[in-house]
N, C-alpha and C. Protein backbone atom coordinates (compact mmCIF):
# COMPACT_ATOMS: atom_id res chain seq x y z
N MET A 1 4.09 12.90 2.74
CA MET A 1 3.18 11.46 2.66
C MET A 1 3.09 11.26 0.96
N THR A 2 3.66 10.31 0.68
CA THR A 2 3.47 10.12 -1.00
C THR A 2 2.36 9.58 -1.34
N ILE A 3 1.92 9.36 -2.77
CA ILE A 3 0.75 9.46 -2.91
C ILE A 3 0.73 7.69 -2.76
N ALA A 4 1.44 6.37 -2.88
CA ALA A 4 1.56 4.85 -2.40
C ALA A 4 1.26 4.96 -1.11
N SER A 5 1.60 5.84 -0.06
CA SER A 5 1.36 5.81 1.22
C SER A 5 -0.28 6.08 1.87
N ILE A 6 -0.30 7.39 1.14
CA ILE A 6 -2.00 7.78 0.73
C ILE A 6 -2.87 6.64 0.81
N LEU A 7 -2.63 5.94 -0.67
CA LEU A 7 -3.49 5.37 -1.44
C LEU A 7 -3.57 3.60 -0.52
N THR A 8 -2.48 3.39 0.82
CA THR A 8 -2.54 2.31 1.39
C THR A 8 -3.76 2.65 2.33
N ILE A 9 -3.54 3.87 2.91
CA ILE A 9 -4.98 4.31 4.21
C ILE A 9 -5.74 4.03 2.93
N VAL A 10 -6.29 4.59 2.11
CA VAL A 10 -6.93 4.39 1.88
C VAL A 10 -7.70 3.12 1.66
N GLN A 11 -7.00 1.80 1.00
CA GLN A 11 -7.44 1.20 0.53
C GLN A 11 -7.75 -0.23 1.89
N TYR A 12 -7.13 0.20 3.40
CA TYR A 12 -7.31 -0.54 4.40
C TYR A 12 -8.78 0.57 5.15
N ALA A 13 -9.04 1.58 5.24
CA ALA A 13 -10.85 2.37 5.23
C ALA A 13 -11.27 1.57 4.79
N LEU A 14 -11.16 1.67 3.26
CA LEU A 14 -12.37 1.35 2.37
C LEU A 14 -12.08 -0.51 2.00
N ALA A 15 -11.60 -1.05 2.85
CA ALA A 15 -11.68 -2.92 2.60
C ALA A 15 -12.87 -3.68 3.71
N PRO A 16 -13.07 -2.74 4.73
CA PRO A 16 -14.59 -3.59 5.03
C PRO A 16 -15.57 -3.26 4.41
N TYR A 17 -15.91 -1.74 3.65
CA TYR A 17 -17.03 -2.04 2.79
C TYR A 17 -16.81 -1.98 1.31
N LEU A 18 -16.18 -2.81 0.89
CA LEU A 18 -15.58 -2.98 -0.18
C LEU A 18 -17.20 -4.00 -0.96
N TRP A 19 -17.63 -4.83 -0.51
CA TRP A 19 -18.88 -5.60 -0.66
C TRP A 19 -19.92 -4.88 -0.96
N LEU A 20 -20.18 -3.84 -0.16
CA LEU A 20 -21.43 -2.68 0.33
C LEU A 20 -21.12 -1.55 -1.35
N ILE A 21 -19.53 -1.79 -1.62
CA ILE A 21 -19.37 -0.47 -2.74
C ILE A 21 -19.69 -1.45 -4.32
N VAL A 22 -19.25 -2.68 -4.00
CA VAL A 22 -19.78 -3.51 -5.09
C VAL A 22 -20.78 -3.93 -5.48
N LEU A 23 -21.78 -3.80 -4.23
CA LEU A 23 -23.43 -3.97 -4.52
C LEU A 23 -24.22 -2.81 -5.25
N ALA A 24 -23.49 -1.89 -4.58
CA ALA A 24 -23.97 -0.80 -4.72
C ALA A 24 -24.29 0.00 -6.21
N ALA A 25 -22.33 -1.25 -6.86
CA ALA A 25 -21.77 -0.03 -8.01
C ALA A 25 -22.66 -1.18 -9.48
N VAL A 26 -23.49 -2.89 -8.98
CA VAL A 26 -24.41 -3.59 -9.64
C VAL A 26 -25.72 -2.74 -9.36
N VAL A 27 -25.77 -2.46 -8.44
CA VAL A 27 -27.41 -1.97 -8.60
C VAL A 27 -27.88 -1.10 -9.31
N LEU A 28 -26.72 -0.44 -9.29
CA LEU A 28 -27.16 1.18 -10.08
C LEU A 28 -26.41 0.80 -11.64
N LEU A 29 -25.50 0.28 -11.88
CA LEU A 29 -25.35 0.04 -13.31
C LEU A 29 -26.47 -0.85 -14.03
N GLY A 30 -26.82 -1.92 -12.92
CA GLY A 30 -28.08 -3.09 -13.59
C GLY A 30 -29.68 -1.58 -13.71
N ALA A 31 -29.71 -0.79 -12.94
CA ALA A 31 -30.79 -0.45 -13.19
C ALA A 31 -30.75 0.24 -14.51
N GLN A 32 -29.89 1.03 -14.52
CA GLN A 32 -29.16 2.01 -16.20
C GLN A 32 -29.23 1.33 -17.30
N LEU A 33 -28.38 0.46 -16.79
CA LEU A 33 -28.50 -0.68 -18.43
C LEU A 33 -29.73 -0.84 -18.65
N ILE A 34 -30.57 -2.17 -17.93
CA ILE A 34 -32.07 -2.12 -18.43
C ILE A 34 -32.94 -1.04 -18.59
N ALA A 35 -32.56 -0.16 -18.00
CA ALA A 35 -33.87 0.64 -18.43
C ALA A 35 -33.49 1.45 -19.82
N ARG A 36 -32.06 1.73 -19.92
CA ARG A 36 -31.68 2.03 -21.38
C ARG A 36 -31.77 1.36 -22.24
N LEU A 37 -31.92 -0.02 -21.92
CA LEU A 37 -32.37 -0.83 -23.60
C LEU A 37 -33.46 -1.08 -23.68
N GLY A 38 -34.07 -0.40 -23.09
CA GLY A 38 -35.98 -0.16 -22.90
C GLY A 38 -35.90 1.27 -23.29
N GLY A 39 -35.34 1.85 -23.65
CA GLY A 39 -35.27 3.12 -24.32
C GLY A 39 -35.83 4.72 -23.05
N TYR A 40 -34.93 4.38 -22.27
CA TYR A 40 -35.04 5.20 -20.96
C TYR A 40 -33.58 6.23 -21.33
N ARG A 41 -34.12 7.74 -21.27
CA ARG A 41 -33.14 8.49 -21.26
C ARG A 41 -33.59 9.55 -20.31
N TYR A 42 -32.25 10.02 -19.77
CA TYR A 42 -32.63 10.99 -18.52
C TYR A 42 -33.35 12.25 -18.40
N LEU A 43 -32.81 13.01 -19.49
CA LEU A 43 -33.95 14.24 -19.69
C LEU A 43 -35.25 14.06 -20.38
N ARG A 44 -35.51 12.81 -21.14
CA ARG A 44 -36.53 12.88 -21.36
C ARG A 44 -38.05 12.12 -20.60
N HIS A 45 -37.20 11.44 -19.54
CA HIS A 45 -38.47 11.27 -18.63
C HIS A 45 -38.06 12.07 -16.96
N LYS A 46 -39.51 12.06 -17.01
CA LYS A 46 -39.80 13.48 -15.14
C LYS A 46 -40.20 12.04 -14.76
N SER A 47 -40.23 12.27 -13.55
CA SER A 47 -40.50 11.30 -12.31
C SER A 47 -40.71 12.21 -11.03
N ALA A 48 -41.86 12.63 -10.68
CA ALA A 48 -41.92 13.47 -9.34
C ALA A 48 -41.39 12.58 -8.12
N VAL A 49 -42.09 10.94 -8.55
CA VAL A 49 -41.98 10.08 -7.66
C VAL A 49 -40.54 9.71 -7.21
N ALA A 50 -39.63 9.28 -8.55
CA ALA A 50 -38.13 9.25 -8.41
C ALA A 50 -38.06 10.45 -7.46
N ASN A 51 -37.87 12.14 -7.78
CA ASN A 51 -37.16 12.48 -7.01
C ASN A 51 -37.75 12.54 -5.84
N GLY A 52 -39.24 12.65 -5.25
CA GLY A 52 -39.35 12.92 -3.81
C GLY A 52 -38.78 11.20 -3.07
N LEU A 53 -38.65 9.87 -4.43
CA LEU A 53 -38.15 8.77 -3.36
C LEU A 53 -36.44 9.38 -2.82
N ALA A 54 -35.49 9.90 -3.71
CA ALA A 54 -34.42 10.77 -3.78
C ALA A 54 -34.48 11.38 -2.73
N LEU A 55 -35.20 12.07 -2.15
CA LEU A 55 -35.07 13.31 -1.33
C LEU A 55 -35.25 12.38 0.29
N VAL A 56 -35.83 11.80 0.42
CA VAL A 56 -36.34 11.17 1.61
C VAL A 56 -35.25 9.54 1.93
N ALA A 57 -34.66 9.17 0.58
CA ALA A 57 -33.71 8.60 0.97
C ALA A 57 -32.21 9.34 1.47
N GLY A 58 -32.15 10.25 1.07
CA GLY A 58 -31.09 11.49 1.41
C GLY A 58 -31.39 11.98 2.70
N LEU A 59 -32.13 12.38 2.98
CA LEU A 59 -32.69 12.98 4.86
C LEU A 59 -32.37 11.54 5.47
N SER A 60 -33.10 10.59 4.80
CA SER A 60 -32.88 8.76 6.18
C SER A 60 -31.74 9.26 6.51
N GLY A 61 -30.31 9.39 5.67
CA GLY A 61 -29.30 9.23 6.16
C GLY A 61 -28.98 10.06 7.14
N LEU A 62 -29.34 11.35 7.91
CA LEU A 62 -28.96 11.61 9.12
C LEU A 62 -29.20 10.74 9.89
N ALA A 63 -29.97 9.61 9.69
CA ALA A 63 -30.55 8.24 10.95
C ALA A 63 -29.64 7.56 10.84
N TRP A 64 -29.44 6.75 9.51
CA TRP A 64 -28.16 5.81 9.33
C TRP A 64 -26.92 5.81 8.87
N ILE A 65 -26.64 7.07 8.46
CA ILE A 65 -25.35 7.15 8.38
C ILE A 65 -24.13 7.22 9.74
N PRO A 66 -24.23 8.12 10.65
CA PRO A 66 -23.71 7.72 11.75
C PRO A 66 -24.08 6.22 12.34
N ALA A 67 -24.96 5.99 12.61
CA ALA A 67 -24.91 4.50 13.17
C ALA A 67 -24.38 3.43 12.22
N PHE A 68 -24.05 3.50 10.69
CA PHE A 68 -23.22 2.80 9.84
C PHE A 68 -21.72 2.58 9.88
N THR A 69 -21.41 4.16 10.60
CA THR A 69 -19.70 4.31 10.89
C THR A 69 -19.32 4.25 11.97
N HIS A 70 -20.56 3.45 13.17
CA HIS A 70 -20.42 3.14 14.51
C HIS A 70 -19.92 4.68 15.36
N SER A 71 -20.64 5.62 14.62
CA SER A 71 -21.03 6.79 15.35
C SER A 71 -22.47 7.39 15.96
N GLN A 72 -22.44 8.62 16.26
CA GLN A 72 -23.85 8.92 17.01
C GLN A 72 -23.80 10.45 16.37
N LEU A 73 -25.14 11.07 15.78
CA LEU A 73 -25.34 11.99 15.02
C LEU A 73 -24.82 13.44 16.52
N ALA A 74 -24.99 13.17 17.71
CA ALA A 74 -24.61 13.90 18.53
C ALA A 74 -23.18 14.14 18.38
N TYR A 75 -22.32 13.24 18.17
CA TYR A 75 -20.78 13.46 17.45
C TYR A 75 -20.84 14.54 15.92
N VAL A 76 -21.36 15.00 15.53
CA VAL A 76 -21.43 15.46 14.63
C VAL A 76 -21.41 17.33 14.97
N ALA A 77 -20.16 17.76 15.35
CA ALA A 77 -20.26 18.89 16.09
C ALA A 77 -19.58 20.12 15.36
N THR A 78 -18.67 19.92 15.19
CA THR A 78 -18.08 21.04 14.07
C THR A 78 -18.46 21.10 12.60
N THR A 79 -17.98 22.21 12.41
CA THR A 79 -18.75 22.86 10.80
C THR A 79 -17.96 22.03 9.72
N PHE A 80 -16.67 21.33 9.91
CA PHE A 80 -16.14 20.38 9.08
C PHE A 80 -16.82 18.72 9.03
N ASP A 81 -17.31 18.79 10.22
CA ASP A 81 -18.61 17.17 10.59
C ASP A 81 -19.72 17.39 9.40
N TRP A 82 -19.89 18.78 9.93
CA TRP A 82 -21.63 19.46 9.24
C TRP A 82 -21.42 19.01 7.38
N VAL A 83 -20.00 19.35 7.25
CA VAL A 83 -20.07 19.45 5.85
C VAL A 83 -19.79 18.27 5.21
N VAL A 84 -19.59 17.09 5.93
CA VAL A 84 -19.28 15.53 5.63
C VAL A 84 -20.38 15.06 5.52
N MET A 85 -20.89 15.34 6.39
CA MET A 85 -22.65 15.15 7.07
C MET A 85 -23.33 15.16 5.72
N ILE A 86 -23.32 16.43 5.22
CA ILE A 86 -24.43 17.13 4.09
C ILE A 86 -23.88 15.97 2.96
N ALA A 87 -22.31 16.06 2.76
CA ALA A 87 -22.25 15.69 1.39
C ALA A 87 -21.95 14.05 1.40
N ALA A 88 -22.49 13.78 2.55
CA ALA A 88 -22.78 11.89 2.35
C ALA A 88 -24.12 11.93 2.43
N ILE A 89 -25.12 12.93 3.00
CA ILE A 89 -26.74 13.06 2.15
C ILE A 89 -26.81 13.44 0.78
N ILE A 90 -25.95 14.08 0.38
CA ILE A 90 -26.31 14.76 -1.09
C ILE A 90 -25.59 13.28 -2.02
N GLY A 91 -24.82 12.76 -1.41
CA GLY A 91 -24.12 11.64 -2.17
C GLY A 91 -25.36 10.32 -2.29
N VAL A 92 -26.36 10.21 -0.88
CA VAL A 92 -26.97 9.06 -0.75
C VAL A 92 -28.19 9.77 -1.92
N ALA A 93 -28.23 10.67 -2.13
CA ALA A 93 -29.85 10.99 -2.74
C ALA A 93 -29.34 11.24 -4.12
N ILE A 94 -28.02 11.69 -4.73
CA ILE A 94 -28.02 11.50 -6.09
C ILE A 94 -28.07 10.21 -6.49
N PHE A 95 -27.39 8.62 -5.62
CA PHE A 95 -27.42 7.51 -6.04
C PHE A 95 -28.68 7.39 -6.08
N ALA A 96 -29.34 7.76 -4.94
CA ALA A 96 -31.20 7.16 -5.01
C ALA A 96 -31.77 7.47 -6.02
N LEU A 97 -31.49 8.70 -6.32
CA LEU A 97 -32.05 9.13 -7.86
C LEU A 97 -31.65 8.45 -8.96
N LEU A 98 -30.11 8.23 -9.64
CA LEU A 98 -29.82 7.55 -10.64
C LEU A 98 -30.58 5.66 -10.27
N VAL A 99 -30.51 5.31 -9.16
CA VAL A 99 -31.31 4.47 -9.13
C VAL A 99 -33.08 4.44 -9.58
N PHE A 100 -33.60 5.00 -8.82
CA PHE A 100 -35.29 5.46 -9.02
C PHE A 100 -35.25 5.75 -10.11
N HIS A 101 -34.96 6.85 -11.04
CA HIS A 101 -35.38 7.37 -11.94
C HIS A 101 -35.39 6.04 -13.59
N PRO A 102 -34.60 5.23 -13.45
CA PRO A 102 -34.71 4.58 -14.70
C PRO A 102 -36.05 3.56 -14.03
N LEU A 103 -35.72 3.24 -12.96
CA LEU A 103 -36.65 2.32 -11.85
C LEU A 103 -38.14 2.93 -12.69
N SER A 104 -38.64 4.10 -12.25
CA SER A 104 -39.79 4.84 -12.61
C SER A 104 -40.06 4.53 -13.92
N TYR A 105 -38.91 4.56 -14.83
CA TYR A 105 -39.35 4.85 -16.67
C TYR A 105 -39.85 3.24 -16.40
N LEU A 106 -39.01 2.24 -16.15
CA LEU A 106 -39.45 1.08 -16.57
C LEU A 106 -40.94 0.70 -15.94
N LEU A 107 -41.14 0.92 -14.86
CA LEU A 107 -42.60 0.63 -14.34
C LEU A 107 -44.10 1.30 -14.99
N ARG A 108 -43.36 2.75 -15.34
CA ARG A 108 -44.23 3.39 -15.86
C ARG A 108 -44.56 2.86 -18.02
N ALA A 109 -43.33 2.20 -18.35
CA ALA A 109 -43.52 1.90 -19.31
C ALA A 109 -44.60 0.56 -19.87
N ARG A 110 -44.06 -0.31 -18.70
CA ARG A 110 -45.32 -0.98 -18.12
C ARG A 110 -46.67 -1.04 -18.44
N HIS A 111 -46.81 -0.20 -18.30
CA HIS A 111 -48.44 0.03 -17.71
C HIS A 111 -48.74 0.68 -19.18
């Protein structure tokens, strides 16, 4: 299989979710940019609330990721299925942390 055919398959697989990918990128970049303009630096700011919210968002993926993909959690049966599910949960948690962490800085800076 050539690279062009692989990219074509990926293009068709991502096409229904393109609007969601763009929205997530806008939210992530917007939160980071606004906070950085306000003096935010990731390693200088500590937020247990942002860490907790990211953990909750990641674990909530067990409920909504299968539904989002028109599947069920009961269909996650093989080791590879669980690896993919855990990777998706970790991805959601990292995305949530990258959004909630600068937002917690902005909320704390206002008080």
